[in-house]
Each structure stands twice: as structure tokens, then as C-alpha cells.
């Protein structure tokens, strides 16, 4: 590298870092996963205890998470639902303890009563894997409180979604579903700018379906809503790489997030925040020419 380049890099590090951070923050947001469950596919039981979940969430914020997604019911393939009372007991105390900790708080739930109590505890984001189909009144609650929300595509339910999923054209069908659910949310009073759409990678999809959704993600981005992608540590990455342990799928996760970012996604739901933040920072700088 020429001397001028070295000097420019040094000045960048010393004087331009804050402005650069602001540009990067505007380019993407990372949603850190906080599973307060004993049975999630990747980290079930690791953060099940309240204090462990809170400490983990704080670490994710330190690593760059702008949103913390707190969930108390596993939606892994073939999982069983939990009761409303149990889910509430898992997530609400954690959300209450994380209020004012430097990140937006999201509750990952399909249940109206759990979402209501989570909002009372400090959540301002509702991540519903059923896209307001399980309890349509959840849309009204989101609208009433001016919350952000994420509407995800899922074929069937967690118990059945991976039993021979079939589409004629997975991207077109997922896109049509998300467009319809966004229209429902808007009709219930949710502001368009509060809505994120998630194609539901791994939720009733084969490996080929997942890859096609990532390859043609720009078609879903074209709907005009924020697009969230959740590929973190998922089974299709293990199939592609031979990594049976979900904890060893970080590189595969990062690859999919960079590809999704290039195609227009701006929110990334992940377990491994630091690695994702580094990769997306480099991707954003490259695509925007920030280092010139």
C-alpha cells in the first residue's frame, strides 16, 4: 500500500470513525437472538435461566445488536407449542430487565396476551412468525402502540412445515403471501414504515427453496418494505457445508447475510452478532464506496 493510503487509513481510524459508524448504522440493523427456551434448535437451554439470558442480551448489544429479539417458544421444525402462561413467564422478566439497555426490544411471539405484556414491560417490536394469522388482533395491538413488527412466511406450522414442502414458484408465492399480510396489517392501522417482511428461510422450505429465496430476494425487496432475513445457523447451511453442530455454521450464516444485504435486505436476525457486524460493515463500505 502507498504511504498516502496508510495515512488515509490512520486519519480514518482517528478522526472519521464516528461518522463512519453512523453511515453503517443507517445501512443495516442486526437483531440479536435471545432464546429463553430449553429446546431451540441451536442454543436451546444455553440462555434459559433469566440471569443468563439477560447477560447474553447485554453482550449482544455490546457486539453491535440494534434489536434484541426475546423468544420463549421454540419454532424449530417439529416443535410443540408452549402455554401462554409459560411463554409469558419466560420472556416478560427478561424484557423488563433489558429496558434502556441500548437496543430496541422485540418479543418473538404469535400470542396476543404475551405480546401485550411484553409491550408493557418495554418491548416496541413484535416478531410474529405467523404474520398475524394465529391471532389477527395482534395487528391492532401493534398499531395501537405504534410498534415495529415483522411478518414472516411459514408453510403450515412448526409441527408440519418441513413435511414435504412444495411450491410451484417459491419466490412468487412467498412474495404474494407477504404482500397480502402487509396489506392486512396496514388495514388494521399499522404504519407501512413499521412493517418488516421476512421470507421465512427454513420455515417450510427445502434447501433449494431457501437458496432460490436468497438468490431472488430483490423481488421481495421490490415490495417496498423493510426486509428481514433470518438464516442464522439453520439446517440448510449444515446440509450445504457438512457442519452438523449449529455453532459451527457461523461462516455460512455470514455468507448468506452478505448476499442478502447486497440484494436489499437491511435487518439480519442472528445468533452471532460480532461476526455478522464485521461482515456487513465491510460489505456496506464496499458497496457504498465509503473507503475512497
C-alpha atoms as a PDB file:
ATOM      1  CA  UNK A   1       0.000   0.000   0.000  1.00  0.00           C
ATOM      2  CA  UNK A   2       1.257   3.513  -0.753  1.00  0.00           C
ATOM      3  CA  UNK A   3       2.164   5.815   2.104  1.00  0.00           C
ATOM      4  CA  UNK A   4      -0.781   8.024   1.255  1.00  0.00           C
ATOM      5  CA  UNK A   5      -3.091   5.075   1.749  1.00  0.00           C
ATOM      6  CA  UNK A   6      -1.591   4.321   5.153  1.00  0.00           C
ATOM      7  CA  UNK A   7      -2.006   7.933   6.231  1.00  0.00           C
ATOM      8  CA  UNK A   8      -5.575   7.994   4.987  1.00  0.00           C
ATOM      9  CA  UNK A   9      -6.380   4.801   6.923  1.00  0.00           C
ATOM     10  CA  UNK A  10      -4.867   6.300  10.077  1.00  0.00           C
ATOM     11  CA  UNK A  11      -6.853   9.507   9.732  1.00  0.00           C
ATOM     12  CA  UNK A  12      -9.951   7.411   9.114  1.00  0.00           C
ATOM     13  CA  UNK A  13      -9.425   5.469  12.317  1.00  0.00           C
ATOM     14  CA  UNK A  14      -8.677   8.517  14.442  1.00  0.00           C
ATOM     15  CA  UNK A  15     -10.995  11.189  13.075  1.00  0.00           C
ATOM     16  CA  UNK A  16     -13.656   9.631  10.888  1.00  0.00           C
ATOM     17  CA  UNK A  17     -14.765   6.623  12.873  1.00  0.00           C
ATOM     18  CA  UNK A  18     -17.870   8.187  14.444  1.00  0.00           C
ATOM     19  CA  UNK A  19     -19.226   9.467  11.137  1.00  0.00           C
ATOM     20  CA  UNK A  20     -18.492   6.129   9.510  1.00  0.00           C
ATOM     21  CA  UNK A  21     -20.338   4.282  12.283  1.00  0.00           C
ATOM     22  CA  UNK A  22     -23.375   6.486  11.650  1.00  0.00           C
ATOM     23  CA  UNK A  23     -23.401   5.645   7.930  1.00  0.00           C
ATOM     24  CA  UNK A  24     -23.040   1.937   8.654  1.00  0.00           C
ATOM     25  CA  UNK A  25     -25.826   2.044  11.249  1.00  0.00           C
ATOM     26  CA  UNK A  26     -28.116   3.528   8.611  1.00  0.00           C
ATOM     27  CA  UNK A  27     -27.241   0.742   6.167  1.00  0.00           C
ATOM     28  CA  UNK A  28     -28.352  -2.236   8.264  1.00  0.00           C
ATOM     29  CA  UNK A  29     -29.604  -3.327  11.670  1.00  0.00           C
ATOM     30  CA  UNK A  30     -28.698  -6.533  13.455  1.00  0.00           C
ATOM     31  CA  UNK A  31     -31.331  -8.329  15.505  1.00  0.00           C
ATOM     32  CA  UNK A  32     -29.671 -10.424  18.190  1.00  0.00           C
ATOM     33  CA  UNK A  33     -31.437 -13.660  19.123  1.00  0.00           C
ATOM     34  CA  UNK A  34     -32.224 -14.226  22.806  1.00  0.00           C
ATOM     35  CA  UNK A  35     -33.876 -17.643  23.106  1.00  0.00           C
ATOM     36  CA  UNK A  36     -35.262 -18.104  26.618  1.00  0.00           C
ATOM     37  CA  UNK A  37     -36.119 -21.711  25.799  1.00  0.00           C
ATOM     38  CA  UNK A  38     -34.910 -25.202  26.701  1.00  0.00           C
ATOM     39  CA  UNK A  39     -35.373 -26.583  23.178  1.00  0.00           C
ATOM     40  CA  UNK A  40     -34.433 -24.127  20.422  1.00  0.00           C
ATOM     41  CA  UNK A  41     -32.558 -25.881  17.609  1.00  0.00           C
ATOM     42  CA  UNK A  42     -29.244 -24.059  18.012  1.00  0.00           C
ATOM     43  CA  UNK A  43     -28.911 -22.801  21.562  1.00  0.00           C
ATOM     44  CA  UNK A  44     -31.781 -24.375  23.475  1.00  0.00           C
ATOM     45  CA  UNK A  45     -31.091 -24.278  27.203  1.00  0.00           C
ATOM     46  CA  UNK A  46     -27.992 -22.073  26.938  1.00  0.00           C
ATOM     47  CA  UNK A  47     -29.852 -18.915  27.968  1.00  0.00           C
ATOM     48  CA  UNK A  48     -32.939 -20.473  29.597  1.00  0.00           C
ATOM     49  CA  UNK A  49     -32.180 -19.069  33.041  1.00  0.00           C
ATOM     50  CA  UNK A  50     -33.281 -15.442  33.408  1.00  0.00           C
ATOM     51  CA  UNK A  51     -29.919 -14.041  34.524  1.00  0.00           C
ATOM     52  CA  UNK A  52     -28.055 -15.906  31.785  1.00  0.00           C
ATOM     53  CA  UNK A  53     -30.462 -14.578  29.151  1.00  0.00           C
ATOM     54  CA  UNK A  54     -30.049 -11.007  30.402  1.00  0.00           C
ATOM     55  CA  UNK A  55     -26.258 -11.242  30.446  1.00  0.00           C
ATOM     56  CA  UNK A  56     -26.250 -12.760  26.961  1.00  0.00           C
ATOM     57  CA  UNK A  57     -28.502  -9.998  25.642  1.00  0.00           C
ATOM     58  CA  UNK A  58     -26.229  -7.316  27.028  1.00  0.00           C
ATOM     59  CA  UNK A  59     -23.265  -8.977  25.344  1.00  0.00           C
ATOM     60  CA  UNK A  60     -25.115  -8.980  22.021  1.00  0.00           C
ATOM     61  CA  UNK A  61     -25.699  -5.235  22.355  1.00  0.00           C
ATOM     62  CA  UNK A  62     -22.002  -4.719  23.062  1.00  0.00           C
ATOM     63  CA  UNK A  63     -21.229  -6.655  19.865  1.00  0.00           C
ATOM     64  CA  UNK A  64     -23.491  -4.464  17.750  1.00  0.00           C
ATOM     65  CA  UNK A  65     -27.096  -5.645  18.052  1.00  0.00           C
ATOM     66  CA  UNK A  66     -29.550  -2.803  17.463  1.00  0.00           C
ATOM     67  CA  UNK A  67     -32.532  -5.018  18.270  1.00  0.00           C
ATOM     68  CA  UNK A  68     -32.874  -7.828  20.804  1.00  0.00           C
ATOM     69  CA  UNK A  69     -35.430 -10.487  19.855  1.00  0.00           C
ATOM     70  CA  UNK A  70     -36.577 -12.273  23.017  1.00  0.00           C
ATOM     71  CA  UNK A  71     -38.489 -15.504  22.471  1.00  0.00           C
ATOM     72  CA  UNK A  72     -39.931 -18.050  24.857  1.00  0.00           C
ATOM     73  CA  UNK A  73     -41.345 -20.629  22.442  1.00  0.00           C
ATOM     74  CA  UNK A  74     -39.234 -22.644  20.040  1.00  0.00           C
ATOM     75  CA  UNK A  75     -40.420 -22.687  16.424  1.00  0.00           C
ATOM     76  CA  UNK A  76     -37.844 -25.202  15.224  1.00  0.00           C
ATOM     77  CA  UNK A  77     -39.165 -27.900  12.881  1.00  0.00           C
ATOM     78  CA  UNK A  78     -41.486 -30.410  14.629  1.00  0.00           C
ATOM     79  CA  UNK A  79     -41.540 -28.395  17.877  1.00  0.00           C
ATOM     80  CA  UNK A  80     -44.518 -28.386  20.234  1.00  0.00           C
ATOM     81  CA  UNK A  81     -46.175 -25.145  21.376  1.00  0.00           C
ATOM     82  CA  UNK A  82     -45.922 -23.926  24.965  1.00  0.00           C
ATOM     83  CA  UNK A  83     -48.692 -22.470  27.078  1.00  0.00           C
ATOM     84  CA  UNK A  84     -49.386 -18.759  27.188  1.00  0.00           C
ATOM     85  CA  UNK A  85     -48.510 -18.593  30.891  1.00  0.00           C
ATOM     86  CA  UNK A  86     -45.210 -20.399  30.416  1.00  0.00           C
ATOM     87  CA  UNK A  87     -44.174 -18.233  27.477  1.00  0.00           C
ATOM     88  CA  UNK A  88     -45.076 -15.078  29.388  1.00  0.00           C
ATOM     89  CA  UNK A  89     -43.076 -16.193  32.419  1.00  0.00           C
ATOM     90  CA  UNK A  90     -40.028 -16.807  30.230  1.00  0.00           C
ATOM     91  CA  UNK A  91     -39.914 -13.583  28.230  1.00  0.00           C
ATOM     92  CA  UNK A  92     -41.511 -10.746  30.187  1.00  0.00           C
ATOM     93  CA  UNK A  93     -38.990 -10.596  33.076  1.00  0.00           C
ATOM     94  CA  UNK A  94     -36.098 -10.631  30.597  1.00  0.00           C
ATOM     95  CA  UNK A  95     -37.584  -7.806  28.537  1.00  0.00           C
ATOM     96  CA  UNK A  96     -38.286  -5.771  31.666  1.00  0.00           C
ATOM     97  CA  UNK A  97     -34.673  -6.156  32.790  1.00  0.00           C
ATOM     98  CA  UNK A  98     -33.354  -5.038  29.394  1.00  0.00           C
ATOM     99  CA  UNK A  99     -35.333  -1.807  29.172  1.00  0.00           C
ATOM    100  CA  UNK A 100     -32.999   1.139  28.420  1.00  0.00           C
ATOM    101  CA  UNK A 101     -30.060  -1.153  27.658  1.00  0.00           C
ATOM    102  CA  UNK A 102     -29.255   0.434  24.318  1.00  0.00           C
ATOM    103  CA  UNK A 103     -31.269  -1.700  21.904  1.00  0.00           C
ATOM    104  CA  UNK A 104     -34.833  -1.895  20.679  1.00  0.00           C
ATOM    105  CA  UNK A 105     -36.632  -4.759  22.400  1.00  0.00           C
ATOM    106  CA  UNK A 106     -38.579  -7.252  20.321  1.00  0.00           C
ATOM    107  CA  UNK A 107     -40.825 -10.052  21.508  1.00  0.00           C
ATOM    108  CA  UNK A 108     -40.832 -13.142  19.303  1.00  0.00           C
ATOM    109  CA  UNK A 109     -44.390 -14.383  19.778  1.00  0.00           C
ATOM    110  CA  UNK A 110     -47.619 -15.227  17.988  1.00  0.00           C
ATOM    111  CA  UNK A 111     -49.737 -14.793  21.130  1.00  0.00           C
ATOM    112  CA  UNK A 112     -51.701 -11.591  21.753  1.00  0.00           C
ATOM    113  CA  UNK A 113     -51.564 -11.732  25.555  1.00  0.00           C
ATOM    114  CA  UNK A 114     -47.806 -12.388  25.614  1.00  0.00           C
ATOM    115  CA  UNK A 115     -47.191  -9.511  23.228  1.00  0.00           C
ATOM    116  CA  UNK A 116     -49.361  -7.187  25.307  1.00  0.00           C
ATOM    117  CA  UNK A 117     -47.443  -7.931  28.495  1.00  0.00           C
ATOM    118  CA  UNK A 118     -44.118  -7.705  26.690  1.00  0.00           C
ATOM    119  CA  UNK A 119     -45.034  -4.253  25.366  1.00  0.00           C
ATOM    120  CA  UNK A 120     -45.997  -3.187  28.876  1.00  0.00           C
ATOM    121  CA  UNK A 121     -42.561  -4.399  30.005  1.00  0.00           C
ATOM    122  CA  UNK A 122     -40.736  -2.333  27.366  1.00  0.00           C
ATOM    123  CA  UNK A 123     -40.910  -4.110  24.001  1.00  0.00           C
ATOM    124  CA  UNK A 124     -41.535  -1.896  20.974  1.00  0.00           C
ATOM    125  CA  UNK A 125     -41.254  -4.594  18.293  1.00  0.00           C
ATOM    126  CA  UNK A 126     -43.381  -7.699  17.688  1.00  0.00           C
ATOM    127  CA  UNK A 127     -41.875 -10.515  15.615  1.00  0.00           C
ATOM    128  CA  UNK A 128     -44.718 -12.852  14.618  1.00  0.00           C
ATOM    129  CA  UNK A 129     -43.779 -15.956  12.623  1.00  0.00           C
ATOM    130  CA  UNK A 130     -47.439 -16.362  11.638  1.00  0.00           C
ATOM    131  CA  UNK A 131     -47.719 -12.833  10.188  1.00  0.00           C
ATOM    132  CA  UNK A 132     -50.787 -12.062  12.333  1.00  0.00           C
ATOM    133  CA  UNK A 133     -52.624 -15.209  11.209  1.00  0.00           C
ATOM    134  CA  UNK A 134     -52.580 -17.004  14.567  1.00  0.00           C
ATOM    135  CA  UNK A 135     -54.185 -14.053  16.360  1.00  0.00           C
ATOM    136  CA  UNK A 136     -55.246 -11.343  13.902  1.00  0.00           C
ATOM    137  CA  UNK A 137     -55.957  -8.937  16.790  1.00  0.00           C
ATOM    138  CA  UNK A 138     -52.206  -8.735  17.295  1.00  0.00           C
ATOM    139  CA  UNK A 139     -52.110  -6.303  14.363  1.00  0.00           C
ATOM    140  CA  UNK A 140     -54.402  -3.924  16.217  1.00  0.00           C
ATOM    141  CA  UNK A 141     -52.227  -4.111  19.314  1.00  0.00           C
ATOM    142  CA  UNK A 142     -49.147  -3.242  17.258  1.00  0.00           C
ATOM    143  CA  UNK A 143     -50.987  -0.332  15.657  1.00  0.00           C
ATOM    144  CA  UNK A 144     -52.317   0.937  18.972  1.00  0.00           C
ATOM    145  CA  UNK A 145     -48.846   1.130  20.499  1.00  0.00           C
ATOM    146  CA  UNK A 146     -47.020   2.291  17.377  1.00  0.00           C
ATOM    147  CA  UNK A 147     -44.746  -0.746  17.487  1.00  0.00           C
ATOM    148  CA  UNK A 148     -42.499  -2.100  14.775  1.00  0.00           C
ATOM    149  CA  UNK A 149     -43.343  -5.587  13.574  1.00  0.00           C
ATOM    150  CA  UNK A 150     -42.027  -8.390  11.412  1.00  0.00           C
ATOM    151  CA  UNK A 151     -44.351 -10.551   9.322  1.00  0.00           C
ATOM    152  CA  UNK A 152     -42.874 -13.892   8.296  1.00  0.00           C
ATOM    153  CA  UNK A 153     -43.851 -16.521   5.746  1.00  0.00           C
ATOM    154  CA  UNK A 154     -44.291 -20.037   7.064  1.00  0.00           C
ATOM    155  CA  UNK A 155     -45.831 -23.016   5.290  1.00  0.00           C
ATOM    156  CA  UNK A 156     -48.168 -24.637   7.806  1.00  0.00           C
ATOM    157  CA  UNK A 157     -46.921 -24.560  11.390  1.00  0.00           C
ATOM    158  CA  UNK A 158     -43.690 -25.620  13.119  1.00  0.00           C
ATOM    159  CA  UNK A 159     -45.050 -29.120  13.682  1.00  0.00           C
ATOM    160  CA  UNK A 160     -45.756 -29.714   9.988  1.00  0.00           C
ATOM    161  CA  UNK A 161     -43.826 -27.150   7.947  1.00  0.00           C
ATOM    162  CA  UNK A 162     -40.933 -29.414   6.956  1.00  0.00           C
ATOM    163  CA  UNK A 163     -43.129 -32.337   5.884  1.00  0.00           C
ATOM    164  CA  UNK A 164     -42.636 -32.331   2.105  1.00  0.00           C
ATOM    165  CA  UNK A 165     -42.894 -28.561   1.421  1.00  0.00           C
ATOM    166  CA  UNK A 166     -43.895 -27.817  -2.175  1.00  0.00           C
ATOM    167  CA  UNK A 167     -44.253 -24.667  -4.293  1.00  0.00           C
ATOM    168  CA  UNK A 168     -44.730 -24.041  -7.994  1.00  0.00           C
ATOM    169  CA  UNK A 169     -42.554 -20.912  -7.659  1.00  0.00           C
ATOM    170  CA  UNK A 170     -41.363 -20.353  -4.115  1.00  0.00           C
ATOM    171  CA  UNK A 171     -40.358 -16.712  -4.579  1.00  0.00           C
ATOM    172  CA  UNK A 172     -43.571 -15.647  -6.290  1.00  0.00           C
ATOM    173  CA  UNK A 173     -45.710 -17.453  -3.720  1.00  0.00           C
ATOM    174  CA  UNK A 174     -43.805 -16.117  -0.712  1.00  0.00           C
ATOM    175  CA  UNK A 175     -43.887 -12.621  -2.194  1.00  0.00           C
ATOM    176  CA  UNK A 176     -47.659 -12.768  -2.752  1.00  0.00           C
ATOM    177  CA  UNK A 177     -48.208 -14.010   0.803  1.00  0.00           C
ATOM    178  CA  UNK A 178     -46.085 -11.247   2.324  1.00  0.00           C
ATOM    179  CA  UNK A 179     -47.775  -8.596   0.207  1.00  0.00           C
ATOM    180  CA  UNK A 180     -51.185  -9.781   1.396  1.00  0.00           C
ATOM    181  CA  UNK A 181     -50.147  -9.876   5.050  1.00  0.00           C
ATOM    182  CA  UNK A 182     -48.603  -6.403   4.846  1.00  0.00           C
ATOM    183  CA  UNK A 183     -51.856  -5.117   3.337  1.00  0.00           C
ATOM    184  CA  UNK A 184     -53.773  -6.701   6.228  1.00  0.00           C
ATOM    185  CA  UNK A 185     -51.501  -5.025   8.781  1.00  0.00           C
ATOM    186  CA  UNK A 186     -51.861  -1.638   7.099  1.00  0.00           C
ATOM    187  CA  UNK A 187     -55.650  -2.044   7.009  1.00  0.00           C
ATOM    188  CA  UNK A 188     -55.539  -2.683  10.773  1.00  0.00           C
ATOM    189  CA  UNK A 189     -53.701   0.598  11.306  1.00  0.00           C
ATOM    190  CA  UNK A 190     -50.026  -0.411  11.274  1.00  0.00           C
ATOM    191  CA  UNK A 191     -47.891   2.220   9.555  1.00  0.00           C
ATOM    192  CA  UNK A 192     -46.070   0.931   6.472  1.00  0.00           C
ATOM    193  CA  UNK A 193     -42.721   2.141   7.783  1.00  0.00           C
ATOM    194  CA  UNK A 194     -43.234  -0.019  10.891  1.00  0.00           C
ATOM    195  CA  UNK A 195     -43.500  -3.253   8.887  1.00  0.00           C
ATOM    196  CA  UNK A 196     -40.660  -5.631   8.045  1.00  0.00           C
ATOM    197  CA  UNK A 197     -41.166  -8.694   5.857  1.00  0.00           C
ATOM    198  CA  UNK A 198     -39.327 -11.984   6.387  1.00  0.00           C
ATOM    199  CA  UNK A 199     -39.333 -14.685   3.671  1.00  0.00           C
ATOM    200  CA  UNK A 200     -39.056 -17.343   6.368  1.00  0.00           C
ATOM    201  CA  UNK A 201     -35.866 -19.142   5.431  1.00  0.00           C
ATOM    202  CA  UNK A 202     -36.150 -22.703   6.768  1.00  0.00           C
ATOM    203  CA  UNK A 203     -39.842 -22.417   7.633  1.00  0.00           C
ATOM    204  CA  UNK A 204     -41.438 -24.899   5.271  1.00  0.00           C
ATOM    205  CA  UNK A 205     -38.686 -24.807   2.648  1.00  0.00           C
ATOM    206  CA  UNK A 206     -36.174 -27.223   1.207  1.00  0.00           C
ATOM    207  CA  UNK A 207     -32.520 -26.335   0.685  1.00  0.00           C
ATOM    208  CA  UNK A 208     -33.338 -25.443  -2.920  1.00  0.00           C
ATOM    209  CA  UNK A 209     -36.230 -23.204  -1.814  1.00  0.00           C
ATOM    210  CA  UNK A 210     -34.007 -21.377   0.661  1.00  0.00           C
ATOM    211  CA  UNK A 211     -31.313 -20.757  -1.927  1.00  0.00           C
ATOM    212  CA  UNK A 212     -33.839 -19.556  -4.506  1.00  0.00           C
ATOM    213  CA  UNK A 213     -35.295 -17.093  -1.997  1.00  0.00           C
ATOM    214  CA  UNK A 214     -31.837 -15.721  -1.271  1.00  0.00           C
ATOM    215  CA  UNK A 215     -30.912 -15.584  -4.953  1.00  0.00           C
ATOM    216  CA  UNK A 216     -34.095 -13.670  -5.873  1.00  0.00           C
ATOM    217  CA  UNK A 217     -34.511 -11.712  -2.651  1.00  0.00           C
ATOM    218  CA  UNK A 218     -34.553  -8.448  -4.606  1.00  0.00           C
ATOM    219  CA  UNK A 219     -38.019  -9.432  -5.864  1.00  0.00           C
ATOM    220  CA  UNK A 220     -39.324  -9.356  -2.291  1.00  0.00           C
ATOM    221  CA  UNK A 221     -37.410  -6.143  -1.546  1.00  0.00           C
ATOM    222  CA  UNK A 222     -39.268  -4.630  -4.523  1.00  0.00           C
ATOM    223  CA  UNK A 223     -42.475  -4.677  -2.461  1.00  0.00           C
ATOM    224  CA  UNK A 224     -41.097  -1.557  -0.789  1.00  0.00           C
ATOM    225  CA  UNK A 225     -40.984  -2.745   2.820  1.00  0.00           C
ATOM    226  CA  UNK A 226     -38.011  -3.363   5.072  1.00  0.00           C
ATOM    227  CA  UNK A 227     -36.830  -6.944   4.525  1.00  0.00           C
ATOM    228  CA  UNK A 228     -35.519  -9.049   7.411  1.00  0.00           C
ATOM    229  CA  UNK A 229     -33.540 -12.224   6.827  1.00  0.00           C
ATOM    230  CA  UNK A 230     -33.078 -14.996   9.375  1.00  0.00           C
ATOM    231  CA  UNK A 231     -30.670 -17.679   8.188  1.00  0.00           C
ATOM    232  CA  UNK A 232     -28.644 -17.950  11.364  1.00  0.00           C
ATOM    233  CA  UNK A 233     -27.136 -21.416  11.934  1.00  0.00           C
ATOM    234  CA  UNK A 234     -30.055 -23.083  10.125  1.00  0.00           C
ATOM    235  CA  UNK A 235     -30.167 -26.653   8.929  1.00  0.00           C
ATOM    236  CA  UNK A 236     -29.777 -25.921   5.228  1.00  0.00           C
ATOM    237  CA  UNK A 237     -26.361 -24.406   5.999  1.00  0.00           C
ATOM    238  CA  UNK A 238     -25.399 -27.642   7.709  1.00  0.00           C
ATOM    239  CA  UNK A 239     -26.580 -29.616   4.709  1.00  0.00           C
ATOM    240  CA  UNK A 240     -24.504 -27.475   2.351  1.00  0.00           C
ATOM    241  CA  UNK A 241     -21.336 -27.415   4.476  1.00  0.00           C
ATOM    242  CA  UNK A 242     -21.496 -30.716   6.337  1.00  0.00           C
ATOM    243  CA  UNK A 243     -21.476 -28.872   9.675  1.00  0.00           C
ATOM    244  CA  UNK A 244     -23.724 -30.871  12.000  1.00  0.00           C
ATOM    245  CA  UNK A 245     -23.148 -28.614  15.023  1.00  0.00           C
ATOM    246  CA  UNK A 246     -25.169 -25.404  14.545  1.00  0.00           C
ATOM    247  CA  UNK A 247     -22.472 -23.446  16.396  1.00  0.00           C
ATOM    248  CA  UNK A 248     -20.087 -24.238  13.526  1.00  0.00           C
ATOM    249  CA  UNK A 249     -22.318 -22.619  10.893  1.00  0.00           C
ATOM    250  CA  UNK A 250     -21.239 -19.036  11.541  1.00  0.00           C
ATOM    251  CA  UNK A 251     -19.322 -18.663   8.273  1.00  0.00           C
ATOM    252  CA  UNK A 252     -22.266 -19.989   6.284  1.00  0.00           C
ATOM    253  CA  UNK A 253     -24.583 -17.599   8.109  1.00  0.00           C
ATOM    254  CA  UNK A 254     -22.310 -14.649   7.362  1.00  0.00           C
ATOM    255  CA  UNK A 255     -22.177 -15.583   3.670  1.00  0.00           C
ATOM    256  CA  UNK A 256     -25.964 -15.621   3.365  1.00  0.00           C
ATOM    257  CA  UNK A 257     -26.300 -12.302   5.188  1.00  0.00           C
ATOM    258  CA  UNK A 258     -23.804 -10.557   2.928  1.00  0.00           C
ATOM    259  CA  UNK A 259     -25.612 -11.928  -0.135  1.00  0.00           C
ATOM    260  CA  UNK A 260     -28.957 -10.813   1.285  1.00  0.00           C
ATOM    261  CA  UNK A 261     -27.591  -7.359   2.086  1.00  0.00           C
ATOM    262  CA  UNK A 262     -26.344  -6.964  -1.464  1.00  0.00           C
ATOM    263  CA  UNK A 263     -29.857  -7.834  -2.667  1.00  0.00           C
ATOM    264  CA  UNK A 264     -31.520  -5.233  -0.437  1.00  0.00           C
ATOM    265  CA  UNK A 265     -32.217  -6.789   2.977  1.00  0.00           C
ATOM    266  CA  UNK A 266     -31.457  -4.420   5.851  1.00  0.00           C
ATOM    267  CA  UNK A 267     -32.294  -6.338   9.054  1.00  0.00           C
ATOM    268  CA  UNK A 268     -30.478  -9.534   9.987  1.00  0.00           C
ATOM    269  CA  UNK A 269     -31.637 -11.844  12.773  1.00  0.00           C
ATOM    270  CA  UNK A 270     -28.601 -13.741  14.074  1.00  0.00           C
ATOM    271  CA  UNK A 271     -27.068 -15.593  16.992  1.00  0.00           C
ATOM    272  CA  UNK A 272     -23.516 -14.454  16.190  1.00  0.00           C
ATOM    273  CA  UNK A 273     -23.686 -10.668  16.232  1.00  0.00           C
ATOM    274  CA  UNK A 274     -19.983  -9.740  16.198  1.00  0.00           C
ATOM    275  CA  UNK A 275     -19.140 -11.788  13.103  1.00  0.00           C
ATOM    276  CA  UNK A 276     -22.213 -10.512  11.292  1.00  0.00           C
ATOM    277  CA  UNK A 277     -21.475  -6.898  12.211  1.00  0.00           C
ATOM    278  CA  UNK A 278     -17.922  -7.157  10.866  1.00  0.00           C
ATOM    279  CA  UNK A 279     -19.033  -8.753   7.613  1.00  0.00           C
ATOM    280  CA  UNK A 280     -21.853  -6.298   6.954  1.00  0.00           C
ATOM    281  CA  UNK A 281     -19.640  -3.342   7.832  1.00  0.00           C
ATOM    282  CA  UNK A 282     -17.164  -4.425   5.160  1.00  0.00           C
ATOM    283  CA  UNK A 283     -19.969  -5.140   2.689  1.00  0.00           C
ATOM    284  CA  UNK A 284     -21.569  -1.736   3.300  1.00  0.00           C
ATOM    285  CA  UNK A 285     -18.266   0.081   2.883  1.00  0.00           C
ATOM    286  CA  UNK A 286     -17.545  -1.791  -0.332  1.00  0.00           C
ATOM    287  CA  UNK A 287     -20.939  -1.290  -1.930  1.00  0.00           C
ATOM    288  CA  UNK A 288     -21.121   2.380  -0.957  1.00  0.00           C
ATOM    289  CA  UNK A 289     -17.505   3.215  -1.721  1.00  0.00           C
ATOM    290  CA  UNK A 290     -17.020   4.624   1.783  1.00  0.00           C
ATOM    291  CA  UNK A 291     -13.292   3.908   1.811  1.00  0.00           C
ATOM    292  CA  UNK A 292     -12.471   6.008  -1.238  1.00  0.00           C
END
